Amino acid sequence: MRKYSKSDIGCYADGTYGDAHVSQVAISTATQAGWSVVIPENVIPSDEDIDDYARDAVAWLNDHAVTPEVYFEFVDGDLLLCSADDSDDETSAEFRPSDETMHMHRALTGGM
């Protein structure tokens, strides 16, 4: 399983595309890393359900798919991978995800 680290710090989902987009990316990122969610058959999840799944996905990512130096978090409507070290200059710099991160993002979101 891939572990996210400081080299992956950045914005994974931009809130300007809407809450549904951010939730979709959170769920997709966790699913790609090994998380699974069970949605009952013949049930269309509500927006509230999807928000809950997204929060669960981020919690799973933080428990299973990151090194101790980073964590995923929703910040002002965005999904970010942040440094756990408050004094780290990278957390205050403009987020610039790695090429690998951007490739994964495009694959998960269909190029959005």
N, C-alpha and C. Protein backbone atom coordinates (compact mmCIF):
# COMPACT_ATOMS: atom_id res chain seq x y z
N MET A 1 0.85 -1.18 0.00
CA MET A 1 0.00 0.00 0.00
C MET A 1 0.89 1.24 0.00
N ARG A 2 0.49 2.21 -0.79
CA ARG A 2 1.22 3.47 -0.86
C ARG A 2 1.01 4.26 0.43
N LYS A 3 2.09 4.87 0.90
CA LYS A 3 2.01 5.76 2.07
C LYS A 3 2.31 7.18 1.61
N TYR A 4 1.42 8.09 1.93
CA TYR A 4 1.64 9.49 1.60
C TYR A 4 2.65 10.06 2.59
N SER A 5 3.54 10.93 2.07
CA SER A 5 4.60 11.51 2.90
C SER A 5 4.74 13.00 2.58
N LYS A 6 5.76 13.63 3.14
CA LYS A 6 5.97 15.07 2.93
C LYS A 6 6.11 15.43 1.47
N SER A 7 6.65 14.53 0.67
CA SER A 7 6.81 14.84 -0.75
C SER A 7 5.46 14.92 -1.47
N ASP A 8 4.39 14.47 -0.83
CA ASP A 8 3.06 14.49 -1.43
C ASP A 8 2.18 15.62 -0.91
N ILE A 9 2.71 16.46 -0.01
CA ILE A 9 1.92 17.55 0.57
C ILE A 9 1.32 18.40 -0.54
N GLY A 10 0.04 18.71 -0.38
CA GLY A 10 -0.61 19.56 -1.36
C GLY A 10 -2.12 19.52 -1.26
N CYS A 11 -2.74 20.17 -2.22
CA CYS A 11 -4.19 20.22 -2.30
C CYS A 11 -4.65 19.10 -3.22
N TYR A 12 -5.46 18.21 -2.70
CA TYR A 12 -5.94 17.07 -3.47
C TYR A 12 -7.30 17.33 -4.10
N ALA A 13 -8.09 18.21 -3.52
CA ALA A 13 -9.39 18.56 -4.07
C ALA A 13 -9.69 20.01 -3.75
N ASP A 14 -9.94 20.79 -4.78
CA ASP A 14 -10.21 22.22 -4.66
C ASP A 14 -11.70 22.43 -4.43
N GLY A 15 -12.03 23.08 -3.34
CA GLY A 15 -13.41 23.31 -2.98
C GLY A 15 -14.18 24.19 -3.95
N THR A 16 -13.49 24.90 -4.84
CA THR A 16 -14.22 25.72 -5.81
C THR A 16 -15.01 24.86 -6.79
N TYR A 17 -14.68 23.56 -6.86
CA TYR A 17 -15.45 22.64 -7.70
C TYR A 17 -16.67 22.09 -6.98
N GLY A 18 -16.84 22.45 -5.71
CA GLY A 18 -18.01 22.04 -4.96
C GLY A 18 -17.73 20.93 -3.96
N ASP A 19 -18.63 20.83 -2.99
CA ASP A 19 -18.50 19.83 -1.93
C ASP A 19 -18.54 18.41 -2.48
N ALA A 20 -19.39 18.18 -3.48
CA ALA A 20 -19.50 16.83 -4.03
C ALA A 20 -18.17 16.39 -4.65
N HIS A 21 -17.50 17.31 -5.32
CA HIS A 21 -16.20 17.00 -5.92
C HIS A 21 -15.19 16.64 -4.83
N VAL A 22 -15.13 17.44 -3.78
CA VAL A 22 -14.17 17.20 -2.70
C VAL A 22 -14.46 15.86 -2.04
N SER A 23 -15.72 15.57 -1.79
CA SER A 23 -16.09 14.28 -1.19
C SER A 23 -15.71 13.13 -2.11
N GLN A 24 -15.98 13.29 -3.40
CA GLN A 24 -15.65 12.24 -4.37
C GLN A 24 -14.15 11.96 -4.38
N VAL A 25 -13.34 12.99 -4.36
CA VAL A 25 -11.89 12.80 -4.38
C VAL A 25 -11.43 12.14 -3.08
N ALA A 26 -11.99 12.55 -1.94
CA ALA A 26 -11.61 11.92 -0.66
C ALA A 26 -11.94 10.43 -0.69
N ILE A 27 -13.13 10.10 -1.13
CA ILE A 27 -13.55 8.70 -1.19
C ILE A 27 -12.71 7.93 -2.19
N SER A 28 -12.48 8.51 -3.36
CA SER A 28 -11.68 7.84 -4.39
C SER A 28 -10.23 7.64 -3.95
N THR A 29 -9.66 8.64 -3.31
CA THR A 29 -8.28 8.53 -2.83
C THR A 29 -8.16 7.40 -1.82
N ALA A 30 -9.09 7.33 -0.88
CA ALA A 30 -9.06 6.27 0.13
C ALA A 30 -9.31 4.90 -0.50
N THR A 31 -10.24 4.84 -1.44
CA THR A 31 -10.55 3.57 -2.10
C THR A 31 -9.33 3.07 -2.87
N GLN A 32 -8.64 3.97 -3.57
CA GLN A 32 -7.43 3.59 -4.29
C GLN A 32 -6.35 3.08 -3.34
N ALA A 33 -6.37 3.57 -2.10
CA ALA A 33 -5.36 3.16 -1.12
C ALA A 33 -5.76 1.89 -0.37
N GLY A 34 -6.99 1.40 -0.57
CA GLY A 34 -7.39 0.14 0.06
C GLY A 34 -8.62 0.19 0.93
N TRP A 35 -9.18 1.38 1.16
CA TRP A 35 -10.38 1.51 1.98
C TRP A 35 -11.58 1.00 1.20
N SER A 36 -12.54 0.43 1.90
CA SER A 36 -13.77 0.01 1.23
C SER A 36 -14.96 0.51 2.03
N VAL A 37 -15.96 0.90 1.31
CA VAL A 37 -17.20 1.36 1.93
C VAL A 37 -18.32 0.48 1.38
N VAL A 38 -19.23 0.12 2.25
CA VAL A 38 -20.36 -0.71 1.83
C VAL A 38 -21.61 0.17 1.80
N ILE A 39 -22.16 0.31 0.60
CA ILE A 39 -23.40 1.06 0.44
C ILE A 39 -24.50 0.04 0.18
N PRO A 40 -25.54 0.06 0.98
CA PRO A 40 -26.61 -0.92 0.79
C PRO A 40 -27.16 -0.89 -0.64
N GLU A 41 -27.51 -2.07 -1.15
CA GLU A 41 -28.06 -2.17 -2.50
C GLU A 41 -29.36 -1.37 -2.60
N ASN A 42 -29.59 -0.85 -3.80
CA ASN A 42 -30.82 -0.11 -4.11
C ASN A 42 -31.01 1.13 -3.24
N VAL A 43 -29.90 1.66 -2.70
CA VAL A 43 -29.98 2.87 -1.89
C VAL A 43 -29.13 3.94 -2.56
N ILE A 44 -29.73 5.08 -2.78
CA ILE A 44 -28.97 6.22 -3.31
C ILE A 44 -28.58 7.07 -2.11
N PRO A 45 -27.27 7.18 -1.84
CA PRO A 45 -26.84 7.94 -0.66
C PRO A 45 -27.23 9.41 -0.77
N SER A 46 -27.64 9.97 0.34
CA SER A 46 -27.95 11.40 0.39
C SER A 46 -26.64 12.19 0.44
N ASP A 47 -26.73 13.50 0.26
CA ASP A 47 -25.54 14.35 0.37
C ASP A 47 -24.90 14.19 1.74
N GLU A 48 -25.74 14.08 2.77
CA GLU A 48 -25.23 13.91 4.14
C GLU A 48 -24.48 12.58 4.27
N ASP A 49 -25.03 11.51 3.67
CA ASP A 49 -24.34 10.21 3.69
C ASP A 49 -22.98 10.31 3.01
N ILE A 50 -22.95 10.98 1.86
CA ILE A 50 -21.69 11.12 1.12
C ILE A 50 -20.67 11.91 1.93
N ASP A 51 -21.12 12.96 2.61
CA ASP A 51 -20.22 13.72 3.49
C ASP A 51 -19.67 12.82 4.60
N ASP A 52 -20.53 11.97 5.17
CA ASP A 52 -20.08 11.03 6.20
C ASP A 52 -19.06 10.05 5.64
N TYR A 53 -19.31 9.52 4.43
CA TYR A 53 -18.36 8.61 3.80
C TYR A 53 -17.02 9.31 3.58
N ALA A 54 -17.07 10.57 3.16
CA ALA A 54 -15.83 11.31 2.90
C ALA A 54 -15.04 11.51 4.20
N ARG A 55 -15.73 11.84 5.29
CA ARG A 55 -15.05 11.99 6.58
C ARG A 55 -14.45 10.65 7.03
N ASP A 56 -15.20 9.57 6.82
CA ASP A 56 -14.69 8.24 7.16
C ASP A 56 -13.47 7.90 6.30
N ALA A 57 -13.52 8.28 5.03
CA ALA A 57 -12.40 8.01 4.12
C ALA A 57 -11.14 8.73 4.58
N VAL A 58 -11.28 9.99 4.97
CA VAL A 58 -10.13 10.76 5.44
C VAL A 58 -9.59 10.18 6.74
N ALA A 59 -10.48 9.77 7.63
CA ALA A 59 -10.03 9.14 8.88
C ALA A 59 -9.25 7.86 8.57
N TRP A 60 -9.76 7.06 7.62
CA TRP A 60 -9.06 5.83 7.24
C TRP A 60 -7.70 6.15 6.64
N LEU A 61 -7.64 7.14 5.75
CA LEU A 61 -6.36 7.54 5.16
C LEU A 61 -5.36 7.90 6.26
N ASN A 62 -5.81 8.68 7.24
CA ASN A 62 -4.91 9.11 8.30
C ASN A 62 -4.47 7.95 9.20
N ASP A 63 -5.30 6.93 9.32
CA ASP A 63 -4.95 5.76 10.13
C ASP A 63 -4.08 4.76 9.39
N HIS A 64 -4.19 4.71 8.06
CA HIS A 64 -3.57 3.62 7.31
C HIS A 64 -2.65 4.02 6.16
N ALA A 65 -2.77 5.23 5.64
CA ALA A 65 -2.09 5.53 4.38
C ALA A 65 -1.17 6.74 4.41
N VAL A 66 -0.78 7.17 5.60
CA VAL A 66 0.14 8.30 5.70
C VAL A 66 1.29 7.96 6.63
N THR A 67 2.41 8.63 6.41
CA THR A 67 3.52 8.53 7.35
C THR A 67 3.20 9.46 8.52
N PRO A 68 3.87 9.29 9.66
CA PRO A 68 3.54 10.12 10.83
C PRO A 68 3.77 11.62 10.63
N GLU A 69 4.49 11.98 9.59
CA GLU A 69 4.82 13.39 9.37
C GLU A 69 3.74 14.18 8.64
N VAL A 70 2.67 13.50 8.17
CA VAL A 70 1.62 14.19 7.42
C VAL A 70 0.24 13.67 7.80
N TYR A 71 -0.79 14.42 7.41
CA TYR A 71 -2.17 14.00 7.63
C TYR A 71 -3.08 14.67 6.61
N PHE A 72 -4.18 13.99 6.26
CA PHE A 72 -5.20 14.58 5.40
C PHE A 72 -6.17 15.36 6.27
N GLU A 73 -6.69 16.45 5.71
CA GLU A 73 -7.64 17.27 6.45
C GLU A 73 -8.48 18.09 5.47
N PHE A 74 -9.73 18.32 5.83
CA PHE A 74 -10.56 19.26 5.09
C PHE A 74 -10.29 20.64 5.66
N VAL A 75 -9.90 21.58 4.80
CA VAL A 75 -9.61 22.95 5.23
C VAL A 75 -10.32 23.91 4.29
N ASP A 76 -11.23 24.70 4.83
CA ASP A 76 -11.96 25.69 4.03
C ASP A 76 -12.55 25.09 2.76
N GLY A 77 -13.08 23.88 2.86
CA GLY A 77 -13.73 23.25 1.72
C GLY A 77 -12.81 22.47 0.80
N ASP A 78 -11.50 22.51 1.05
CA ASP A 78 -10.53 21.77 0.24
C ASP A 78 -10.10 20.51 0.98
N LEU A 79 -9.58 19.54 0.24
CA LEU A 79 -8.95 18.37 0.84
C LEU A 79 -7.45 18.54 0.69
N LEU A 80 -6.75 18.64 1.83
CA LEU A 80 -5.31 18.89 1.82
C LEU A 80 -4.57 17.76 2.51
N LEU A 81 -3.35 17.53 2.06
CA LEU A 81 -2.40 16.71 2.79
C LEU A 81 -1.43 17.69 3.41
N CYS A 82 -1.38 17.74 4.74
CA CYS A 82 -0.63 18.74 5.48
C CYS A 82 0.51 18.12 6.27
N SER A 83 1.48 18.94 6.60
CA SER A 83 2.57 18.51 7.45
C SER A 83 2.10 18.46 8.90
N ALA A 84 2.50 17.44 9.63
CA ALA A 84 2.14 17.32 11.04
C ALA A 84 2.98 18.25 11.91
N ASP A 85 4.06 18.76 11.36
CA ASP A 85 4.95 19.66 12.08
C ASP A 85 4.49 21.09 11.86
N ASP A 86 3.90 21.71 12.89
CA ASP A 86 3.37 23.07 12.76
C ASP A 86 4.42 24.08 12.34
N SER A 87 5.67 23.82 12.64
CA SER A 87 6.71 24.78 12.29
C SER A 87 7.26 24.57 10.89
N ASP A 88 6.74 23.57 10.19
CA ASP A 88 7.23 23.25 8.85
C ASP A 88 6.80 24.33 7.87
N ASP A 89 7.76 24.89 7.16
CA ASP A 89 7.47 25.95 6.19
C ASP A 89 6.59 25.46 5.05
N GLU A 90 6.61 24.16 4.75
CA GLU A 90 5.84 23.64 3.62
C GLU A 90 4.35 23.83 3.81
N THR A 91 3.87 23.85 5.04
CA THR A 91 2.43 23.97 5.25
C THR A 91 1.96 25.38 4.97
N SER A 92 2.84 26.37 5.07
CA SER A 92 2.41 27.73 4.80
C SER A 92 2.71 28.14 3.36
N ALA A 93 3.50 27.36 2.64
CA ALA A 93 3.81 27.68 1.25
C ALA A 93 2.61 27.34 0.37
N GLU A 94 2.62 27.90 -0.83
CA GLU A 94 1.57 27.55 -1.80
C GLU A 94 1.68 26.07 -2.09
N PHE A 95 0.54 25.38 -2.09
CA PHE A 95 0.55 23.94 -2.32
C PHE A 95 0.85 23.66 -3.78
N ARG A 96 1.86 22.82 -4.00
CA ARG A 96 2.21 22.36 -5.33
C ARG A 96 2.39 20.86 -5.29
N PRO A 97 1.32 20.11 -5.59
CA PRO A 97 1.43 18.65 -5.56
C PRO A 97 2.45 18.14 -6.56
N SER A 98 3.02 17.00 -6.28
CA SER A 98 3.98 16.37 -7.17
C SER A 98 3.30 15.93 -8.45
N ASP A 99 4.09 15.66 -9.48
CA ASP A 99 3.55 15.17 -10.75
C ASP A 99 2.76 13.88 -10.53
N GLU A 100 3.28 12.99 -9.68
CA GLU A 100 2.59 11.72 -9.39
C GLU A 100 1.23 12.00 -8.77
N THR A 101 1.18 12.95 -7.85
CA THR A 101 -0.07 13.30 -7.19
C THR A 101 -1.07 13.86 -8.20
N MET A 102 -0.61 14.74 -9.08
CA MET A 102 -1.50 15.33 -10.07
C MET A 102 -1.99 14.27 -11.07
N HIS A 103 -1.13 13.33 -11.43
CA HIS A 103 -1.54 12.25 -12.33
C HIS A 103 -2.65 11.42 -11.66
N MET A 104 -2.46 11.10 -10.38
CA MET A 104 -3.47 10.32 -9.65
C MET A 104 -4.77 11.12 -9.56
N HIS A 105 -4.66 12.43 -9.27
CA HIS A 105 -5.84 13.27 -9.16
C HIS A 105 -6.62 13.28 -10.48
N ARG A 106 -5.91 13.45 -11.60
CA ARG A 106 -6.59 13.46 -12.90
C ARG A 106 -7.24 12.11 -13.19
N ALA A 107 -6.58 11.04 -12.81
CA ALA A 107 -7.15 9.70 -13.05
C ALA A 107 -8.42 9.50 -12.21
N LEU A 108 -8.42 9.99 -10.98
CA LEU A 108 -9.56 9.79 -10.09
C LEU A 108 -10.75 10.68 -10.44
N THR A 109 -10.44 11.85 -11.00
CA THR A 109 -11.51 12.83 -11.23
C THR A 109 -11.85 13.00 -12.69
N GLY A 110 -11.25 12.20 -13.56
CA GLY A 110 -11.54 12.34 -14.98
C GLY A 110 -10.97 13.60 -15.58
N GLY A 111 -9.88 14.10 -14.99
CA GLY A 111 -9.20 15.26 -15.55
C GLY A 111 -9.63 16.60 -14.99
N MET A 112 -10.49 16.60 -14.00
CA MET A 112 -10.96 17.87 -13.42
C MET A 112 -9.84 18.57 -12.70
